[in-house]
């Protein structure tokens, strides 16, 4: 299991566009990816668009990204890069 934290910089948080991009990208990886609010109150599987949007993550909030199974090292690096470029 690999984990990293990321602070959302997108001006409107994880709304439809970034959530859609994230879900689509997560489906290309062979790991299970979970996005959780830093306070641990809510989490969602990254492949599930509606679940991601339901988290209600806003600009400036920190999320914890957990990568399990598959090639965790490569998938964690790819997911971290995706977050920096898109969220």
C-alpha atoms as a PDB file:
ATOM      1  CA  UNK A   1       0.000   0.000   0.000  1.00  0.00           C
ATOM      2  CA  UNK A   2       1.241   3.444  -0.969  1.00  0.00           C
ATOM      3  CA  UNK A   3      -0.196   6.760   0.221  1.00  0.00           C
ATOM      4  CA  UNK A   4       0.351  10.434  -0.389  1.00  0.00           C
ATOM      5  CA  UNK A   5      -1.471  13.627   0.488  1.00  0.00           C
ATOM      6  CA  UNK A   6      -2.384  16.333  -1.957  1.00  0.00           C
ATOM      7  CA  UNK A   7      -3.907  19.780  -1.474  1.00  0.00           C
ATOM      8  CA  UNK A   8      -6.518  20.601  -4.129  1.00  0.00           C
ATOM      9  CA  UNK A   9      -5.625  23.692  -6.163  1.00  0.00           C
ATOM     10  CA  UNK A  10      -8.407  23.606  -8.769  1.00  0.00           C
ATOM     11  CA  UNK A  11     -10.470  26.817  -8.261  1.00  0.00           C
ATOM     12  CA  UNK A  12     -13.720  24.898  -7.748  1.00  0.00           C
ATOM     13  CA  UNK A  13     -12.371  21.748  -6.075  1.00  0.00           C
ATOM     14  CA  UNK A  14     -13.208  18.245  -7.268  1.00  0.00           C
ATOM     15  CA  UNK A  15     -16.286  18.999  -9.348  1.00  0.00           C
ATOM     16  CA  UNK A  16     -17.518  17.278 -12.529  1.00  0.00           C
ATOM     17  CA  UNK A  17     -14.574  17.950 -14.860  1.00  0.00           C
ATOM     18  CA  UNK A  18     -11.670  16.995 -12.572  1.00  0.00           C
ATOM     19  CA  UNK A  19     -13.670  14.121 -11.058  1.00  0.00           C
ATOM     20  CA  UNK A  20     -14.355  12.783 -14.559  1.00  0.00           C
ATOM     21  CA  UNK A  21     -10.707  13.054 -15.527  1.00  0.00           C
ATOM     22  CA  UNK A  22      -9.662  11.374 -12.283  1.00  0.00           C
ATOM     23  CA  UNK A  23     -12.109   8.478 -12.701  1.00  0.00           C
ATOM     24  CA  UNK A  24     -11.042   7.956 -16.307  1.00  0.00           C
ATOM     25  CA  UNK A  25      -7.353   8.007 -15.370  1.00  0.00           C
ATOM     26  CA  UNK A  26      -7.849   5.675 -12.385  1.00  0.00           C
ATOM     27  CA  UNK A  27      -9.457   3.104 -14.691  1.00  0.00           C
ATOM     28  CA  UNK A  28      -6.190   2.883 -16.655  1.00  0.00           C
ATOM     29  CA  UNK A  29      -4.210   1.782 -13.585  1.00  0.00           C
ATOM     30  CA  UNK A  30      -4.092  -1.765 -12.221  1.00  0.00           C
ATOM     31  CA  UNK A  31      -4.379  -0.675  -8.575  1.00  0.00           C
ATOM     32  CA  UNK A  32      -7.327   0.177  -6.370  1.00  0.00           C
ATOM     33  CA  UNK A  33      -7.172   3.910  -5.679  1.00  0.00           C
ATOM     34  CA  UNK A  34      -9.072   5.538  -2.839  1.00  0.00           C
ATOM     35  CA  UNK A  35      -9.457   9.284  -2.303  1.00  0.00           C
ATOM     36  CA  UNK A  36     -10.231  10.331   1.278  1.00  0.00           C
ATOM     37  CA  UNK A  37     -10.775  13.670   2.963  1.00  0.00           C
ATOM     38  CA  UNK A  38      -7.884  14.473   5.287  1.00  0.00           C
ATOM     39  CA  UNK A  39     -10.187  14.419   8.318  1.00  0.00           C
ATOM     40  CA  UNK A  40     -11.168  10.850   7.419  1.00  0.00           C
ATOM     41  CA  UNK A  41     -14.871  11.674   7.289  1.00  0.00           C
ATOM     42  CA  UNK A  42     -15.467  10.495   3.714  1.00  0.00           C
ATOM     43  CA  UNK A  43     -13.694   8.420   1.092  1.00  0.00           C
ATOM     44  CA  UNK A  44     -14.427   7.134  -2.392  1.00  0.00           C
ATOM     45  CA  UNK A  45     -12.983   4.739  -4.934  1.00  0.00           C
ATOM     46  CA  UNK A  46     -11.325   6.858  -7.619  1.00  0.00           C
ATOM     47  CA  UNK A  47     -13.008   4.971 -10.480  1.00  0.00           C
ATOM     48  CA  UNK A  48     -16.486   6.041  -9.324  1.00  0.00           C
ATOM     49  CA  UNK A  49     -17.347   9.478 -10.684  1.00  0.00           C
ATOM     50  CA  UNK A  50     -20.460  10.141  -8.599  1.00  0.00           C
ATOM     51  CA  UNK A  51     -18.761   8.973  -5.407  1.00  0.00           C
ATOM     52  CA  UNK A  52     -15.859  11.374  -6.051  1.00  0.00           C
ATOM     53  CA  UNK A  53     -18.217  14.293  -6.612  1.00  0.00           C
ATOM     54  CA  UNK A  54     -20.114  13.301  -3.463  1.00  0.00           C
ATOM     55  CA  UNK A  55     -17.034  13.922  -1.354  1.00  0.00           C
ATOM     56  CA  UNK A  56     -17.586  17.671  -1.748  1.00  0.00           C
ATOM     57  CA  UNK A  57     -13.881  18.484  -1.797  1.00  0.00           C
ATOM     58  CA  UNK A  58     -13.204  22.185  -2.216  1.00  0.00           C
ATOM     59  CA  UNK A  59     -10.150  24.256  -3.149  1.00  0.00           C
ATOM     60  CA  UNK A  60      -7.498  24.215  -0.443  1.00  0.00           C
ATOM     61  CA  UNK A  61      -8.669  20.946   1.138  1.00  0.00           C
ATOM     62  CA  UNK A  62      -6.168  18.140   1.549  1.00  0.00           C
ATOM     63  CA  UNK A  63      -6.941  14.604   0.437  1.00  0.00           C
ATOM     64  CA  UNK A  64      -5.180  11.329   1.122  1.00  0.00           C
ATOM     65  CA  UNK A  65      -4.693   9.102  -1.910  1.00  0.00           C
ATOM     66  CA  UNK A  66      -4.206   5.392  -1.211  1.00  0.00           C
ATOM     67  CA  UNK A  67      -2.955   2.989  -3.871  1.00  0.00           C
ATOM     68  CA  UNK A  68      -3.300  -0.757  -3.256  1.00  0.00           C
ATOM     69  CA  UNK A  69      -2.423  -3.745  -5.425  1.00  0.00           C
ATOM     70  CA  UNK A  70      -0.895  -3.932  -8.864  1.00  0.00           C
ATOM     71  CA  UNK A  71       2.267  -1.953  -9.484  1.00  0.00           C
ATOM     72  CA  UNK A  72       1.879   0.365  -6.496  1.00  0.00           C
ATOM     73  CA  UNK A  73       5.150   2.262  -7.003  1.00  0.00           C
ATOM     74  CA  UNK A  74       4.483   3.208 -10.624  1.00  0.00           C
ATOM     75  CA  UNK A  75       0.779   3.831 -10.074  1.00  0.00           C
ATOM     76  CA  UNK A  76       1.425   6.058  -7.049  1.00  0.00           C
ATOM     77  CA  UNK A  77       3.906   8.132  -9.053  1.00  0.00           C
ATOM     78  CA  UNK A  78       1.479   8.367 -11.988  1.00  0.00           C
ATOM     79  CA  UNK A  79      -1.424   9.366  -9.735  1.00  0.00           C
ATOM     80  CA  UNK A  80       0.631  12.004  -7.944  1.00  0.00           C
ATOM     81  CA  UNK A  81       1.678  13.500 -11.290  1.00  0.00           C
ATOM     82  CA  UNK A  82      -1.954  13.437 -12.476  1.00  0.00           C
ATOM     83  CA  UNK A  83      -3.065  15.317  -9.357  1.00  0.00           C
ATOM     84  CA  UNK A  84      -0.426  18.019  -9.846  1.00  0.00           C
ATOM     85  CA  UNK A  85      -1.449  18.526 -13.478  1.00  0.00           C
ATOM     86  CA  UNK A  86      -5.241  18.324 -13.146  1.00  0.00           C
ATOM     87  CA  UNK A  87      -6.416  19.078  -9.634  1.00  0.00           C
END
